[in-house]
Amino acid sequence: MSATSVAAAVPVAVHRRRPRAPRVVLYVFLTVLALLWLLPVAWALYIALRPVGDTLTNGYFSPPQSLTLQNFFDAWEQGSMGQSFINTAIITGFAVPLTLFISSMLGYVFSRFSFRANLFLLMMFTAGNLLPPQVIIVPLYRIYLLLPLPGFLSEFGHWYDTYFGVIFINVVFQTGFCTFVLSNYMKTISRELTEAAIVDGASLWTTYRKVILPLSRPALAALAVLEFTFIYNDFFWALVLMNHADKRPITSALNQLSGGFFTNYNLFAAAAFIVAVPTIALYLLLSKQFVRGLTLGSTKG
């Protein structure tokens, strides 16, 4: 038997490296932090599964006498969540694609063309996100009452109390943030690609549609999740710019569950979980694209 075969027959001991102390501390810290974040969610779920009579008798900090899903059914019916989800689908279904479409075109211009007002305009778009919505609500309310709108878009002939008005103001307020993110992302795309497309005879629109947009898909997916969450969770604009409760989005359904003399917090907790389902589902659906869009561009090479 040769020395090589003998050496191959002898089992080689594998020495596993022990994790270093800083890494152990980091894992412990992240685990504790995750538990702290999940604790309120678990507590809200615990409250949502308990009957209100149980909590009124024994208090919220007590073992449950029984667990039930009745609070979820009651929250759906009393909050008129079916219609509210339809209203939310209309608002987000138009606002999110419009915001990404307009922002992607603006980002393309700011990242590919050099002109004197380039940096100034980009700063103005970014500065618009720093403006509190409450500052402009009075003049905006008056403007919405004066601006005309065709009859098929408005029952009363103006922007107030319409889906169009809420969609428009959400697009306006979210475009600045998306433009800033997309313009910085598009700057990382090689200019040689767009120059080669132009040399081959492609127009600016064709270059934007067939070169820039496909390469910006991870960033667009990440922004789609963020923008859907922002617009979906909006409560302020719909509350101020809509008069009829049957037109308001799902966040207003939570407000309908509060009573004048008594508030059923078990019902509130169940409704909050129902409202959170679409955002969680969208994140799980686009999680890979979302993480990729956040990390791309952080390293080169």
C-alpha atoms as a PDB file:
ATOM      1  CA  MET A   1       0.000   0.000   0.000  1.00  0.00           C
ATOM      2  CA  SER A   2       1.433   3.319  -0.997  1.00  0.00           C
ATOM      3  CA  ALA A   3       1.898   6.250   1.326  1.00  0.00           C
ATOM      4  CA  THR A   4      -0.779   8.159  -0.549  1.00  0.00           C
ATOM      5  CA  SER A   5      -3.414   5.486  -0.010  1.00  0.00           C
ATOM      6  CA  VAL A   6      -2.464   5.138   3.650  1.00  0.00           C
ATOM      7  CA  ALA A   7      -2.833   8.860   4.148  1.00  0.00           C
ATOM      8  CA  ALA A   8      -6.194   8.809   2.400  1.00  0.00           C
ATOM      9  CA  ALA A   9      -7.432   5.999   4.676  1.00  0.00           C
ATOM     10  CA  VAL A  10      -6.593   7.885   7.860  1.00  0.00           C
ATOM     11  CA  PRO A  11      -9.531  10.096   8.860  1.00  0.00           C
ATOM     12  CA  VAL A  12      -8.657  13.737   8.934  1.00  0.00           C
ATOM     13  CA  ALA A  13      -9.866  15.608  11.972  1.00  0.00           C
ATOM     14  CA  VAL A  14     -11.831  18.706  11.057  1.00  0.00           C
ATOM     15  CA  HIS A  15     -11.251  21.526  13.474  1.00  0.00           C
ATOM     16  CA  ARG A  16     -14.181  23.871  13.582  1.00  0.00           C
ATOM     17  CA  ARG A  17     -13.350  27.394  14.438  1.00  0.00           C
ATOM     18  CA  ARG A  18     -15.170  28.685  17.431  1.00  0.00           C
ATOM     19  CA  PRO A  19     -17.149  31.836  16.798  1.00  0.00           C
ATOM     20  CA  ARG A  20     -15.378  34.916  17.953  1.00  0.00           C
ATOM     21  CA  ALA A  21     -16.664  36.843  20.927  1.00  0.00           C
ATOM     22  CA  PRO A  22     -17.717  39.952  18.938  1.00  0.00           C
ATOM     23  CA  ARG A  23     -19.786  37.799  16.559  1.00  0.00           C
ATOM     24  CA  VAL A  24     -21.486  36.042  19.488  1.00  0.00           C
ATOM     25  CA  VAL A  25     -22.287  39.405  21.048  1.00  0.00           C
ATOM     26  CA  LEU A  26     -23.666  40.612  17.707  1.00  0.00           C
ATOM     27  CA  TYR A  27     -25.931  37.562  17.339  1.00  0.00           C
ATOM     28  CA  VAL A  28     -27.199  37.935  20.892  1.00  0.00           C
ATOM     29  CA  PHE A  29     -27.864  41.644  20.350  1.00  0.00           C
ATOM     30  CA  LEU A  30     -29.733  41.037  17.072  1.00  0.00           C
ATOM     31  CA  THR A  31     -31.776  38.221  18.642  1.00  0.00           C
ATOM     32  CA  VAL A  32     -32.806  40.411  21.583  1.00  0.00           C
ATOM     33  CA  LEU A  33     -33.612  43.279  19.209  1.00  0.00           C
ATOM     34  CA  ALA A  34     -35.763  41.010  17.018  1.00  0.00           C
ATOM     35  CA  LEU A  35     -37.651  39.743  20.070  1.00  0.00           C
ATOM     36  CA  LEU A  36     -38.268  43.295  21.239  1.00  0.00           C
ATOM     37  CA  TRP A  37     -39.685  44.178  17.826  1.00  0.00           C
ATOM     38  CA  LEU A  38     -41.874  41.062  17.719  1.00  0.00           C
ATOM     39  CA  LEU A  39     -43.154  41.422  21.296  1.00  0.00           C
ATOM     40  CA  PRO A  40     -45.739  44.160  20.525  1.00  0.00           C
ATOM     41  CA  VAL A  41     -46.926  42.199  17.478  1.00  0.00           C
ATOM     42  CA  ALA A  42     -47.342  39.010  19.501  1.00  0.00           C
ATOM     43  CA  TRP A  43     -49.096  40.949  22.265  1.00  0.00           C
ATOM     44  CA  ALA A  44     -51.516  42.551  19.779  1.00  0.00           C
ATOM     45  CA  LEU A  45     -52.287  39.119  18.314  1.00  0.00           C
ATOM     46  CA  TYR A  46     -52.894  37.786  21.823  1.00  0.00           C
ATOM     47  CA  ILE A  47     -55.349  40.619  22.520  1.00  0.00           C
ATOM     48  CA  ALA A  48     -57.076  40.123  19.143  1.00  0.00           C
ATOM     49  CA  LEU A  49     -57.760  36.466  19.941  1.00  0.00           C
ATOM     50  CA  ARG A  50     -59.334  37.166  23.353  1.00  0.00           C
ATOM     51  CA  PRO A  51     -63.020  38.049  23.819  1.00  0.00           C
ATOM     52  CA  VAL A  52     -63.603  41.561  25.075  1.00  0.00           C
ATOM     53  CA  GLY A  53     -65.529  40.240  28.079  1.00  0.00           C
ATOM     54  CA  ASP A  54     -62.516  38.233  29.172  1.00  0.00           C
ATOM     55  CA  THR A  55     -60.212  41.260  29.142  1.00  0.00           C
ATOM     56  CA  LEU A  56     -62.777  43.493  30.871  1.00  0.00           C
ATOM     57  CA  THR A  57     -63.202  40.950  33.658  1.00  0.00           C
ATOM     58  CA  ASN A  58     -59.642  39.716  34.134  1.00  0.00           C
ATOM     59  CA  GLY A  59     -57.586  42.513  32.540  1.00  0.00           C
ATOM     60  CA  TYR A  60     -55.244  42.407  29.569  1.00  0.00           C
ATOM     61  CA  PHE A  61     -52.356  41.004  31.628  1.00  0.00           C
ATOM     62  CA  SER A  62     -53.968  37.707  32.526  1.00  0.00           C
ATOM     63  CA  PRO A  63     -54.160  34.131  31.190  1.00  0.00           C
ATOM     64  CA  PRO A  64     -56.928  33.767  28.594  1.00  0.00           C
ATOM     65  CA  GLN A  65     -60.143  31.976  29.460  1.00  0.00           C
ATOM     66  CA  SER A  66     -60.688  31.240  25.754  1.00  0.00           C
ATOM     67  CA  LEU A  67     -59.352  32.222  22.328  1.00  0.00           C
ATOM     68  CA  THR A  68     -61.556  33.012  19.356  1.00  0.00           C
ATOM     69  CA  LEU A  69     -61.462  34.472  15.839  1.00  0.00           C
ATOM     70  CA  GLN A  70     -64.741  36.316  16.323  1.00  0.00           C
ATOM     71  CA  ASN A  71     -62.990  39.664  16.723  1.00  0.00           C
ATOM     72  CA  PHE A  72     -61.644  39.394  13.179  1.00  0.00           C
ATOM     73  CA  PHE A  73     -65.120  38.756  11.711  1.00  0.00           C
ATOM     74  CA  ASP A  74     -66.648  41.580  13.765  1.00  0.00           C
ATOM     75  CA  ALA A  75     -63.888  43.993  12.737  1.00  0.00           C
ATOM     76  CA  TRP A  76     -64.435  43.179   9.063  1.00  0.00           C
ATOM     77  CA  GLU A  77     -68.183  43.825   9.289  1.00  0.00           C
ATOM     78  CA  GLN A  78     -68.247  46.823  11.642  1.00  0.00           C
ATOM     79  CA  GLY A  79     -65.372  48.569   9.895  1.00  0.00           C
ATOM     80  CA  SER A  80     -66.834  48.020   6.392  1.00  0.00           C
ATOM     81  CA  MET A  81     -63.422  46.726   5.392  1.00  0.00           C
ATOM     82  CA  GLY A  82     -64.575  45.173   2.145  1.00  0.00           C
ATOM     83  CA  GLN A  83     -65.429  48.562   0.594  1.00  0.00           C
ATOM     84  CA  SER A  84     -62.430  50.184   2.254  1.00  0.00           C
ATOM     85  CA  PHE A  85     -60.082  47.643   0.668  1.00  0.00           C
ATOM     86  CA  ILE A  86     -61.630  48.399  -2.739  1.00  0.00           C
ATOM     87  CA  ASN A  87     -61.058  52.131  -2.174  1.00  0.00           C
ATOM     88  CA  THR A  88     -57.475  51.481  -1.154  1.00  0.00           C
ATOM     89  CA  ALA A  89     -56.915  49.293  -4.219  1.00  0.00           C
ATOM     90  CA  ILE A  90     -58.132  52.122  -6.470  1.00  0.00           C
ATOM     91  CA  ILE A  91     -55.884  54.714  -4.823  1.00  0.00           C
ATOM     92  CA  THR A  92     -52.718  52.617  -4.577  1.00  0.00           C
ATOM     93  CA  GLY A  93     -53.337  50.893  -7.918  1.00  0.00           C
ATOM     94  CA  PHE A  94     -53.084  54.230  -9.723  1.00  0.00           C
ATOM     95  CA  ALA A  95     -50.800  56.220  -7.393  1.00  0.00           C
ATOM     96  CA  VAL A  96     -47.917  53.740  -7.119  1.00  0.00           C
ATOM     97  CA  PRO A  97     -47.424  53.056 -10.880  1.00  0.00           C
ATOM     98  CA  LEU A  98     -47.842  56.759 -11.717  1.00  0.00           C
ATOM     99  CA  THR A  99     -45.289  57.758  -9.091  1.00  0.00           C
ATOM    100  CA  LEU A 100     -42.733  55.227 -10.316  1.00  0.00           C
ATOM    101  CA  PHE A 101     -43.343  56.095 -13.987  1.00  0.00           C
ATOM    102  CA  ILE A 102     -42.945  59.860 -13.508  1.00  0.00           C
ATOM    103  CA  SER A 103     -39.999  59.439 -11.134  1.00  0.00           C
ATOM    104  CA  SER A 104     -38.200  57.055 -13.488  1.00  0.00           C
ATOM    105  CA  MET A 105     -38.451  59.563 -16.344  1.00  0.00           C
ATOM    106  CA  LEU A 106     -37.234  62.395 -14.127  1.00  0.00           C
ATOM    107  CA  GLY A 107     -34.431  60.221 -12.758  1.00  0.00           C
ATOM    108  CA  TYR A 108     -33.399  59.372 -16.317  1.00  0.00           C
ATOM    109  CA  VAL A 109     -33.140  63.069 -17.195  1.00  0.00           C
ATOM    110  CA  PHE A 110     -31.233  64.038 -14.049  1.00  0.00           C
ATOM    111  CA  SER A 111     -28.793  61.117 -14.335  1.00  0.00           C
ATOM    112  CA  ARG A 112     -28.072  61.267 -18.099  1.00  0.00           C
ATOM    113  CA  PHE A 113     -28.250  64.926 -19.094  1.00  0.00           C
ATOM    114  CA  SER A 114     -26.123  67.815 -17.881  1.00  0.00           C
ATOM    115  CA  PHE A 115     -27.674  71.279 -17.767  1.00  0.00           C
ATOM    116  CA  ARG A 116     -27.395  74.275 -15.473  1.00  0.00           C
ATOM    117  CA  ALA A 117     -30.501  73.654 -13.397  1.00  0.00           C
ATOM    118  CA  ASN A 118     -29.869  69.914 -13.013  1.00  0.00           C
ATOM    119  CA  LEU A 119     -28.617  69.942  -9.428  1.00  0.00           C
ATOM    120  CA  PHE A 120     -30.967  72.748  -8.388  1.00  0.00           C
ATOM    121  CA  LEU A 121     -34.071  70.933  -9.655  1.00  0.00           C
ATOM    122  CA  LEU A 122     -32.986  67.677  -8.038  1.00  0.00           C
ATOM    123  CA  MET A 123     -32.495  69.506  -4.727  1.00  0.00           C
ATOM    124  CA  MET A 124     -35.964  71.055  -5.077  1.00  0.00           C
ATOM    125  CA  PHE A 125     -37.513  67.623  -5.615  1.00  0.00           C
ATOM    126  CA  THR A 126     -35.694  66.341  -2.545  1.00  0.00           C
ATOM    127  CA  ALA A 127     -36.565  69.392  -0.440  1.00  0.00           C
ATOM    128  CA  GLY A 128     -40.237  68.841  -1.178  1.00  0.00           C
ATOM    129  CA  ASN A 129     -40.142  65.765   1.057  1.00  0.00           C
ATOM    130  CA  LEU A 130     -39.159  67.947   4.001  1.00  0.00           C
ATOM    131  CA  LEU A 131     -42.372  69.995   3.777  1.00  0.00           C
ATOM    132  CA  PRO A 132     -44.927  68.904   6.399  1.00  0.00           C
ATOM    133  CA  PRO A 133     -48.291  68.151   4.775  1.00  0.00           C
ATOM    134  CA  GLN A 134     -50.121  70.028   7.521  1.00  0.00           C
ATOM    135  CA  VAL A 135     -48.567  73.316   6.358  1.00  0.00           C
ATOM    136  CA  ILE A 136     -50.398  73.339   3.018  1.00  0.00           C
ATOM    137  CA  ILE A 137     -53.646  71.662   3.967  1.00  0.00           C
ATOM    138  CA  VAL A 138     -55.741  74.864   4.217  1.00  0.00           C
ATOM    139  CA  PRO A 139     -54.786  76.335   0.820  1.00  0.00           C
ATOM    140  CA  LEU A 140     -54.880  72.835  -0.718  1.00  0.00           C
ATOM    141  CA  TYR A 141     -58.399  72.336   0.616  1.00  0.00           C
ATOM    142  CA  ARG A 142     -59.517  75.642  -0.910  1.00  0.00           C
ATOM    143  CA  ILE A 143     -57.843  74.822  -4.232  1.00  0.00           C
ATOM    144  CA  TYR A 144     -59.537  71.420  -4.373  1.00  0.00           C
ATOM    145  CA  LEU A 145     -62.922  73.121  -3.964  1.00  0.00           C
ATOM    146  CA  LEU A 146     -62.199  75.509  -6.853  1.00  0.00           C
ATOM    147  CA  LEU A 147     -60.512  73.215  -9.389  1.00  0.00           C
ATOM    148  CA  PRO A 148     -63.026  71.810 -11.903  1.00  0.00           C
ATOM    149  CA  LEU A 149     -63.171  68.142 -12.785  1.00  0.00           C
ATOM    150  CA  PRO A 150     -65.248  66.291 -15.411  1.00  0.00           C
ATOM    151  CA  GLY A 151     -68.449  64.625 -14.264  1.00  0.00           C
ATOM    152  CA  PHE A 152     -67.176  61.087 -14.772  1.00  0.00           C
ATOM    153  CA  LEU A 153     -64.386  61.769 -12.256  1.00  0.00           C
ATOM    154  CA  SER A 154     -66.288  63.882  -9.742  1.00  0.00           C
ATOM    155  CA  GLU A 155     -69.877  63.793  -8.560  1.00  0.00           C
ATOM    156  CA  PHE A 156     -69.811  67.489  -7.595  1.00  0.00           C
ATOM    157  CA  GLY A 157     -67.568  68.833 -10.376  1.00  0.00           C
ATOM    158  CA  HIS A 158     -64.442  69.611  -8.302  1.00  0.00           C
ATOM    159  CA  TRP A 159     -61.409  67.795  -6.947  1.00  0.00           C
ATOM    160  CA  TYR A 160     -62.638  67.549  -3.375  1.00  0.00           C
ATOM    161  CA  ASP A 161     -64.062  64.197  -2.233  1.00  0.00           C
ATOM    162  CA  THR A 162     -62.683  62.273  -5.231  1.00  0.00           C
ATOM    163  CA  TYR A 163     -60.252  59.418  -5.723  1.00  0.00           C
ATOM    164  CA  PHE A 164     -58.480  61.562  -8.310  1.00  0.00           C
ATOM    165  CA  GLY A 165     -57.643  64.248  -5.745  1.00  0.00           C
ATOM    166  CA  VAL A 166     -56.176  61.789  -3.236  1.00  0.00           C
ATOM    167  CA  ILE A 167     -54.209  59.978  -5.957  1.00  0.00           C
ATOM    168  CA  PHE A 168     -52.837  63.276  -7.277  1.00  0.00           C
ATOM    169  CA  ILE A 169     -51.572  64.572  -3.928  1.00  0.00           C
ATOM    170  CA  ASN A 170     -49.962  61.228  -3.090  1.00  0.00           C
ATOM    171  CA  VAL A 171     -48.145  61.192  -6.430  1.00  0.00           C
ATOM    172  CA  VAL A 172     -46.946  64.765  -5.907  1.00  0.00           C
ATOM    173  CA  PHE A 173     -45.590  64.124  -2.423  1.00  0.00           C
ATOM    174  CA  GLN A 174     -43.928  60.806  -3.255  1.00  0.00           C
ATOM    175  CA  THR A 175     -42.334  61.789  -6.582  1.00  0.00           C
ATOM    176  CA  GLY A 176     -39.492  63.746  -4.967  1.00  0.00           C
ATOM    177  CA  PHE A 177     -38.221  60.838  -2.891  1.00  0.00           C
ATOM    178  CA  CYS A 178     -38.479  58.355  -5.771  1.00  0.00           C
ATOM    179  CA  THR A 179     -36.768  60.742  -8.193  1.00  0.00           C
ATOM    180  CA  PHE A 180     -33.846  61.197  -5.802  1.00  0.00           C
ATOM    181  CA  VAL A 181     -33.425  57.436  -5.324  1.00  0.00           C
ATOM    182  CA  LEU A 182     -33.789  56.516  -9.002  1.00  0.00           C
ATOM    183  CA  SER A 183     -31.506  59.269 -10.273  1.00  0.00           C
ATOM    184  CA  ASN A 184     -28.722  58.106  -7.945  1.00  0.00           C
ATOM    185  CA  TYR A 185     -29.322  54.503  -8.955  1.00  0.00           C
ATOM    186  CA  MET A 186     -29.314  55.274 -12.677  1.00  0.00           C
ATOM    187  CA  LYS A 187     -25.987  57.061 -12.330  1.00  0.00           C
ATOM    188  CA  THR A 188     -24.427  53.681 -11.538  1.00  0.00           C
ATOM    189  CA  ILE A 189     -25.556  52.315 -14.928  1.00  0.00           C
ATOM    190  CA  SER A 190     -22.770  52.508 -17.491  1.00  0.00           C
ATOM    191  CA  ARG A 191     -23.117  55.402 -19.933  1.00  0.00           C
ATOM    192  CA  GLU A 192     -21.623  53.243 -22.673  1.00  0.00           C
ATOM    193  CA  LEU A 193     -24.881  51.262 -22.810  1.00  0.00           C
ATOM    194  CA  THR A 194     -27.018  54.308 -23.573  1.00  0.00           C
ATOM    195  CA  GLU A 195     -24.414  55.741 -25.936  1.00  0.00           C
ATOM    196  CA  ALA A 196     -24.292  52.451 -27.856  1.00  0.00           C
ATOM    197  CA  ALA A 197     -28.095  52.426 -28.112  1.00  0.00           C
ATOM    198  CA  ILE A 198     -28.120  55.984 -29.463  1.00  0.00           C
ATOM    199  CA  VAL A 199     -25.390  55.122 -31.984  1.00  0.00           C
ATOM    200  CA  ASP A 200     -27.529  52.190 -33.155  1.00  0.00           C
ATOM    201  CA  GLY A 201     -30.338  54.630 -33.882  1.00  0.00           C
ATOM    202  CA  ALA A 202     -32.444  54.303 -30.738  1.00  0.00           C
ATOM    203  CA  SER A 203     -34.361  57.390 -29.653  1.00  0.00           C
ATOM    204  CA  LEU A 204     -34.268  58.767 -26.125  1.00  0.00           C
ATOM    205  CA  TRP A 205     -37.639  57.149 -25.394  1.00  0.00           C
ATOM    206  CA  THR A 206     -36.454  53.783 -26.731  1.00  0.00           C
ATOM    207  CA  THR A 207     -33.242  54.019 -24.702  1.00  0.00           C
ATOM    208  CA  TYR A 208     -35.207  54.838 -21.579  1.00  0.00           C
ATOM    209  CA  ARG A 209     -37.754  52.061 -22.152  1.00  0.00           C
ATOM    210  CA  LYS A 210     -35.517  49.236 -23.382  1.00  0.00           C
ATOM    211  CA  VAL A 211     -32.193  49.958 -21.657  1.00  0.00           C
ATOM    212  CA  ILE A 212     -32.674  52.026 -18.483  1.00  0.00           C
ATOM    213  CA  LEU A 213     -35.951  50.594 -17.183  1.00  0.00           C
ATOM    214  CA  PRO A 214     -34.924  46.898 -17.371  1.00  0.00           C
ATOM    215  CA  LEU A 215     -31.648  47.640 -15.595  1.00  0.00           C
ATOM    216  CA  SER A 216     -33.474  49.663 -12.932  1.00  0.00           C
ATOM    217  CA  ARG A 217     -35.906  46.861 -12.107  1.00  0.00           C
ATOM    218  CA  PRO A 218     -34.407  46.061  -8.649  1.00  0.00           C
ATOM    219  CA  ALA A 219     -34.605  49.711  -7.596  1.00  0.00           C
ATOM    220  CA  LEU A 220     -38.147  50.000  -8.961  1.00  0.00           C
ATOM    221  CA  ALA A 221     -39.202  46.872  -7.065  1.00  0.00           C
ATOM    222  CA  ALA A 222     -37.752  48.220  -3.824  1.00  0.00           C
ATOM    223  CA  LEU A 223     -39.501  51.553  -4.336  1.00  0.00           C
ATOM    224  CA  ALA A 224     -42.748  49.779  -5.248  1.00  0.00           C
ATOM    225  CA  VAL A 225     -42.795  48.086  -1.852  1.00  0.00           C
ATOM    226  CA  LEU A 226     -41.948  51.308  -0.027  1.00  0.00           C
ATOM    227  CA  GLU A 227     -44.418  53.455  -1.979  1.00  0.00           C
ATOM    228  CA  PHE A 228     -47.207  50.916  -1.616  1.00  0.00           C
ATOM    229  CA  THR A 229     -46.598  50.927   2.136  1.00  0.00           C
ATOM    230  CA  PHE A 230     -46.492  54.738   2.345  1.00  0.00           C
ATOM    231  CA  ILE A 231     -49.639  55.326   0.271  1.00  0.00           C
ATOM    232  CA  TYR A 232     -51.478  52.326   1.714  1.00  0.00           C
ATOM    233  CA  ASN A 233     -50.910  53.594   5.255  1.00  0.00           C
ATOM    234  CA  ASP A 234     -51.889  57.181   4.455  1.00  0.00           C
ATOM    235  CA  PHE A 235     -54.622  58.492   6.703  1.00  0.00           C
ATOM    236  CA  PHE A 236     -54.176  62.270   6.635  1.00  0.00           C
ATOM    237  CA  TRP A 237     -54.958  63.068   2.987  1.00  0.00           C
ATOM    238  CA  ALA A 238     -58.015  60.831   2.783  1.00  0.00           C
ATOM    239  CA  LEU A 239     -59.389  62.192   6.056  1.00  0.00           C
ATOM    240  CA  VAL A 240     -59.077  65.844   5.012  1.00  0.00           C
ATOM    241  CA  LEU A 241     -59.723  65.657   1.263  1.00  0.00           C
ATOM    242  CA  MET A 242     -62.645  63.196   1.339  1.00  0.00           C
ATOM    243  CA  ASN A 243     -66.050  63.841   2.825  1.00  0.00           C
ATOM    244  CA  HIS A 244     -67.874  60.528   2.366  1.00  0.00           C
ATOM    245  CA  ALA A 245     -66.704  57.654   4.537  1.00  0.00           C
ATOM    246  CA  ASP A 246     -67.595  55.080   1.877  1.00  0.00           C
ATOM    247  CA  LYS A 247     -64.844  56.514  -0.370  1.00  0.00           C
ATOM    248  CA  ARG A 248     -62.064  56.521   2.192  1.00  0.00           C
ATOM    249  CA  PRO A 249     -59.264  53.888   2.238  1.00  0.00           C
ATOM    250  CA  ILE A 250     -58.673  51.080   4.692  1.00  0.00           C
ATOM    251  CA  THR A 251     -56.871  53.223   7.275  1.00  0.00           C
ATOM    252  CA  SER A 252     -60.117  55.121   7.808  1.00  0.00           C
ATOM    253  CA  ALA A 253     -61.877  51.842   8.618  1.00  0.00           C
ATOM    254  CA  LEU A 254     -59.849  51.656  11.813  1.00  0.00           C
ATOM    255  CA  ASN A 255     -61.121  55.093  12.772  1.00  0.00           C
ATOM    256  CA  GLN A 256     -64.718  53.902  12.379  1.00  0.00           C
ATOM    257  CA  LEU A 257     -64.200  51.291  15.095  1.00  0.00           C
ATOM    258  CA  SER A 258     -63.644  53.861  17.840  1.00  0.00           C
ATOM    259  CA  GLY A 259     -66.734  54.679  19.881  1.00  0.00           C
ATOM    260  CA  GLY A 260     -67.714  57.873  21.601  1.00  0.00           C
ATOM    261  CA  PHE A 261     -67.811  56.366  25.091  1.00  0.00           C
ATOM    262  CA  PHE A 262     -66.126  52.976  24.763  1.00  0.00           C
ATOM    263  CA  THR A 263     -63.418  51.553  22.504  1.00  0.00           C
ATOM    264  CA  ASN A 264     -63.070  47.807  21.986  1.00  0.00           C
ATOM    265  CA  TYR A 265     -59.298  47.388  21.808  1.00  0.00           C
ATOM    266  CA  ASN A 266     -59.650  43.673  21.092  1.00  0.00           C
ATOM    267  CA  LEU A 267     -61.538  44.641  17.935  1.00  0.00           C
ATOM    268  CA  PHE A 268     -58.907  47.259  17.133  1.00  0.00           C
ATOM    269  CA  ALA A 269     -56.108  44.715  17.395  1.00  0.00           C
ATOM    270  CA  ALA A 270     -57.912  42.297  15.082  1.00  0.00           C
ATOM    271  CA  ALA A 271     -58.583  45.065  12.555  1.00  0.00           C
ATOM    272  CA  ALA A 272     -54.941  46.130  12.640  1.00  0.00           C
ATOM    273  CA  PHE A 273     -53.859  42.607  11.713  1.00  0.00           C
ATOM    274  CA  ILE A 274     -56.320  42.514   8.825  1.00  0.00           C
ATOM    275  CA  VAL A 275     -55.049  45.864   7.558  1.00  0.00           C
ATOM    276  CA  ALA A 276     -51.419  44.692   7.755  1.00  0.00           C
ATOM    277  CA  VAL A 277     -51.958  41.574   5.597  1.00  0.00           C
ATOM    278  CA  PRO A 278     -51.576  43.231   2.114  1.00  0.00           C
ATOM    279  CA  THR A 279     -48.301  44.996   2.968  1.00  0.00           C
ATOM    280  CA  ILE A 280     -46.820  41.807   4.432  1.00  0.00           C
ATOM    281  CA  ALA A 281     -47.939  39.798   1.392  1.00  0.00           C
ATOM    282  CA  LEU A 282     -46.409  42.315  -1.030  1.00  0.00           C
ATOM    283  CA  TYR A 283     -43.126  42.330   0.864  1.00  0.00           C
ATOM    284  CA  LEU A 284     -42.946  38.539   0.825  1.00  0.00           C
ATOM    285  CA  LEU A 285     -43.741  38.544  -2.897  1.00  0.00           C
ATOM    286  CA  LEU A 286     -41.023  41.083  -3.756  1.00  0.00           C
ATOM    287  CA  SER A 287     -38.594  40.403  -0.910  1.00  0.00           C
ATOM    288  CA  LYS A 288     -35.740  39.253  -3.156  1.00  0.00           C
ATOM    289  CA  GLN A 289     -36.076  42.229  -5.461  1.00  0.00           C
ATOM    290  CA  PHE A 290     -36.478  44.529  -2.463  1.00  0.00           C
ATOM    291  CA  VAL A 291     -33.247  43.378  -0.781  1.00  0.00           C
ATOM    292  CA  ARG A 292     -31.407  43.383  -4.099  1.00  0.00           C
ATOM    293  CA  GLY A 293     -32.548  46.923  -4.814  1.00  0.00           C
ATOM    294  CA  LEU A 294     -31.322  48.111  -1.423  1.00  0.00           C
ATOM    295  CA  THR A 295     -27.895  46.473  -1.739  1.00  0.00           C
ATOM    296  CA  LEU A 296     -27.070  47.039  -5.418  1.00  0.00           C
ATOM    297  CA  GLY A 297     -24.721  49.944  -5.845  1.00  0.00           C
ATOM    298  CA  SER A 298     -23.306  49.614  -2.333  1.00  0.00           C
ATOM    299  CA  THR A 299     -20.221  47.848  -3.708  1.00  0.00           C
ATOM    300  CA  LYS A 300     -18.365  48.066  -6.987  1.00  0.00           C
ATOM    301  CA  GLY A 301     -16.786  45.307  -8.985  1.00  0.00           C
END
